[in-house]
Amino acid sequence: MGPGRIMLLPMSVFAVEYVYVADTESIRDEHRPAHREFLAGLVADSDGIALVASGPYVDGSGALLLIAAPSQAALAERLAKDPFAINGTIAVLRMTEWSPVTGELAHHA
């Protein structure tokens, strides 16, 4: 590979579920701007991690994030830097490799 060329890493899509610690709404409100800035920074760069979509559950119990990443380990390492994780608002973080076969996100498979 010559200079100036970017090596594309093999990617998987992960469905990441955050389940929030009960009664942490005020902490999440305080850190939400930094959390959203963190998510906006998940763009395919040298580590290959890129946010596909994200959003909270309507009932406020957690959130679902779809993230392309070269490995689950790399993604877990990056998500540990989320301000919500750092500030103890996530009770459960579940990551499942997902294959979007049909629909608007199928090109990520």
C-alpha atoms as a PDB file:
ATOM      1  CA  MET A   1       0.000   0.000   0.000  1.00  0.00           C
ATOM      2  CA  GLY A   2       1.466   3.371  -1.023  1.00  0.00           C
ATOM      3  CA  PRO A   3       1.652   6.594   0.971  1.00  0.00           C
ATOM      4  CA  GLY A   4      -1.584   8.499   1.393  1.00  0.00           C
ATOM      5  CA  ARG A   5      -3.745   5.410   0.959  1.00  0.00           C
ATOM      6  CA  ILE A   6      -6.150   4.434   3.700  1.00  0.00           C
ATOM      7  CA  MET A   7      -6.504   0.782   4.570  1.00  0.00           C
ATOM      8  CA  LEU A   8     -10.138  -0.169   5.023  1.00  0.00           C
ATOM      9  CA  LEU A   9     -10.709  -2.409   8.022  1.00  0.00           C
ATOM     10  CA  PRO A  10     -13.266  -5.232   7.787  1.00  0.00           C
ATOM     11  CA  MET A  11     -16.395  -3.991   9.539  1.00  0.00           C
ATOM     12  CA  SER A  12     -19.244  -5.481  11.490  1.00  0.00           C
ATOM     13  CA  VAL A  13     -22.349  -3.700  12.696  1.00  0.00           C
ATOM     14  CA  PHE A  14     -23.164  -3.964  16.387  1.00  0.00           C
ATOM     15  CA  ALA A  15     -26.493  -3.310  18.064  1.00  0.00           C
ATOM     16  CA  VAL A  16     -25.518  -1.721  21.359  1.00  0.00           C
ATOM     17  CA  GLU A  17     -28.103  -1.426  24.090  1.00  0.00           C
ATOM     18  CA  TYR A  18     -27.653   0.886  27.035  1.00  0.00           C
ATOM     19  CA  VAL A  19     -29.883   0.210  30.047  1.00  0.00           C
ATOM     20  CA  TYR A  20     -29.706   3.174  32.374  1.00  0.00           C
ATOM     21  CA  VAL A  21     -29.235   3.032  36.135  1.00  0.00           C
ATOM     22  CA  ALA A  22     -32.543   3.941  37.788  1.00  0.00           C
ATOM     23  CA  ASP A  23     -32.907   7.501  39.058  1.00  0.00           C
ATOM     24  CA  THR A  24     -29.976   8.918  37.057  1.00  0.00           C
ATOM     25  CA  GLU A  25     -32.029  11.294  34.908  1.00  0.00           C
ATOM     26  CA  SER A  26     -30.402  14.405  36.386  1.00  0.00           C
ATOM     27  CA  ILE A  27     -26.901  12.985  35.867  1.00  0.00           C
ATOM     28  CA  ARG A  28     -27.744  12.080  32.259  1.00  0.00           C
ATOM     29  CA  ASP A  29     -29.226  15.552  31.700  1.00  0.00           C
ATOM     30  CA  GLU A  30     -25.999  17.103  32.993  1.00  0.00           C
ATOM     31  CA  HIS A  31     -23.762  14.973  30.772  1.00  0.00           C
ATOM     32  CA  ARG A  32     -26.029  14.669  27.700  1.00  0.00           C
ATOM     33  CA  PRO A  33     -24.239  17.429  25.704  1.00  0.00           C
ATOM     34  CA  ALA A  34     -20.869  15.689  26.202  1.00  0.00           C
ATOM     35  CA  HIS A  35     -22.478  12.288  25.457  1.00  0.00           C
ATOM     36  CA  ARG A  36     -23.899  13.592  22.179  1.00  0.00           C
ATOM     37  CA  GLU A  37     -20.559  15.170  21.292  1.00  0.00           C
ATOM     38  CA  PHE A  38     -18.925  11.797  21.977  1.00  0.00           C
ATOM     39  CA  LEU A  39     -21.431  10.061  19.672  1.00  0.00           C
ATOM     40  CA  ALA A  40     -20.906  12.700  16.966  1.00  0.00           C
ATOM     41  CA  GLY A  41     -17.194  11.887  17.151  1.00  0.00           C
ATOM     42  CA  LEU A  42     -17.839   8.254  16.199  1.00  0.00           C
ATOM     43  CA  VAL A  43     -16.946   8.651  12.548  1.00  0.00           C
ATOM     44  CA  ALA A  44     -14.920   6.215  10.476  1.00  0.00           C
ATOM     45  CA  ASP A  45     -11.374   7.354  11.125  1.00  0.00           C
ATOM     46  CA  SER A  46      -8.184   5.438  11.795  1.00  0.00           C
ATOM     47  CA  ASP A  47      -9.898   3.009  14.194  1.00  0.00           C
ATOM     48  CA  GLY A  48     -12.807   2.355  11.822  1.00  0.00           C
ATOM     49  CA  ILE A  49     -15.575   2.902  14.393  1.00  0.00           C
ATOM     50  CA  ALA A  50     -18.593   4.742  12.991  1.00  0.00           C
ATOM     51  CA  LEU A  51     -22.034   5.517  14.396  1.00  0.00           C
ATOM     52  CA  VAL A  52     -24.820   4.348  12.071  1.00  0.00           C
ATOM     53  CA  ALA A  53     -27.797   5.473  14.183  1.00  0.00           C
ATOM     54  CA  SER A  54     -28.683   6.052  17.814  1.00  0.00           C
ATOM     55  CA  GLY A  55     -31.477   7.214  20.028  1.00  0.00           C
ATOM     56  CA  PRO A  56     -33.067   6.822  23.440  1.00  0.00           C
ATOM     57  CA  TYR A  57     -36.008   4.578  24.240  1.00  0.00           C
ATOM     58  CA  VAL A  58     -39.178   6.646  24.596  1.00  0.00           C
ATOM     59  CA  ASP A  59     -39.720   5.370  28.145  1.00  0.00           C
ATOM     60  CA  GLY A  60     -36.311   6.720  29.235  1.00  0.00           C
ATOM     61  CA  SER A  61     -34.990   3.316  30.325  1.00  0.00           C
ATOM     62  CA  GLY A  62     -32.065   3.233  27.913  1.00  0.00           C
ATOM     63  CA  ALA A  63     -30.955   3.651  24.331  1.00  0.00           C
ATOM     64  CA  LEU A  64     -30.120   1.717  21.179  1.00  0.00           C
ATOM     65  CA  LEU A  65     -27.010   2.484  19.142  1.00  0.00           C
ATOM     66  CA  LEU A  66     -26.056   0.897  15.828  1.00  0.00           C
ATOM     67  CA  ILE A  67     -22.307   1.152  15.328  1.00  0.00           C
ATOM     68  CA  ALA A  68     -19.974  -0.184  12.646  1.00  0.00           C
ATOM     69  CA  ALA A  69     -16.673  -1.365  14.103  1.00  0.00           C
ATOM     70  CA  PRO A  70     -13.801  -3.678  13.185  1.00  0.00           C
ATOM     71  CA  SER A  71     -14.256  -5.711  16.394  1.00  0.00           C
ATOM     72  CA  GLN A  72     -16.348  -5.928  19.535  1.00  0.00           C
ATOM     73  CA  ALA A  73     -13.230  -5.383  21.657  1.00  0.00           C
ATOM     74  CA  ALA A  74     -12.365  -2.138  19.852  1.00  0.00           C
ATOM     75  CA  LEU A  75     -15.943  -0.940  20.230  1.00  0.00           C
ATOM     76  CA  ALA A  76     -16.058  -1.798  23.939  1.00  0.00           C
ATOM     77  CA  GLU A  77     -12.831   0.123  24.504  1.00  0.00           C
ATOM     78  CA  ARG A  78     -14.238   3.183  22.736  1.00  0.00           C
ATOM     79  CA  LEU A  79     -17.640   3.047  24.486  1.00  0.00           C
ATOM     80  CA  ALA A  80     -15.906   3.015  27.881  1.00  0.00           C
ATOM     81  CA  LYS A  81     -15.032   6.665  27.095  1.00  0.00           C
ATOM     82  CA  ASP A  82     -18.690   7.709  26.705  1.00  0.00           C
ATOM     83  CA  PRO A  83     -19.495  10.357  29.350  1.00  0.00           C
ATOM     84  CA  PHE A  84     -22.593   8.332  30.311  1.00  0.00           C
ATOM     85  CA  ALA A  85     -20.323   5.342  31.071  1.00  0.00           C
ATOM     86  CA  ILE A  86     -17.711   7.440  32.867  1.00  0.00           C
ATOM     87  CA  ASN A  87     -20.375   9.014  35.080  1.00  0.00           C
ATOM     88  CA  GLY A  88     -22.054   5.744  36.066  1.00  0.00           C
ATOM     89  CA  THR A  89     -25.405   6.059  34.325  1.00  0.00           C
ATOM     90  CA  ILE A  90     -25.253   2.760  32.391  1.00  0.00           C
ATOM     91  CA  ALA A  91     -26.329  -0.325  34.366  1.00  0.00           C
ATOM     92  CA  VAL A  92     -26.107  -2.735  31.432  1.00  0.00           C
ATOM     93  CA  LEU A  93     -24.261  -2.401  28.143  1.00  0.00           C
ATOM     94  CA  ARG A  94     -25.136  -5.190  25.729  1.00  0.00           C
ATOM     95  CA  MET A  95     -23.365  -5.559  22.364  1.00  0.00           C
ATOM     96  CA  THR A  96     -24.598  -7.947  19.691  1.00  0.00           C
ATOM     97  CA  GLU A  97     -23.133  -8.295  16.217  1.00  0.00           C
ATOM     98  CA  TRP A  98     -25.955  -7.615  13.774  1.00  0.00           C
ATOM     99  CA  SER A  99     -26.369  -8.195  10.053  1.00  0.00           C
ATOM    100  CA  PRO A 100     -28.777  -5.722   8.421  1.00  0.00           C
ATOM    101  CA  VAL A 101     -29.869  -7.819   5.422  1.00  0.00           C
ATOM    102  CA  THR A 102     -32.781  -5.726   4.128  1.00  0.00           C
ATOM    103  CA  GLY A 103     -33.986  -2.163   4.439  1.00  0.00           C
ATOM    104  CA  GLU A 104     -32.271   1.202   4.571  1.00  0.00           C
ATOM    105  CA  LEU A 105     -29.259  -0.039   6.576  1.00  0.00           C
ATOM    106  CA  ALA A 106     -28.524  -3.138   4.451  1.00  0.00           C
ATOM    107  CA  HIS A 107     -25.502  -1.484   2.839  1.00  0.00           C
ATOM    108  CA  HIS A 108     -23.736  -1.772   6.217  1.00  0.00           C
ATOM    109  CA  ALA A 109     -23.768  -5.592   6.074  1.00  0.00           C
END
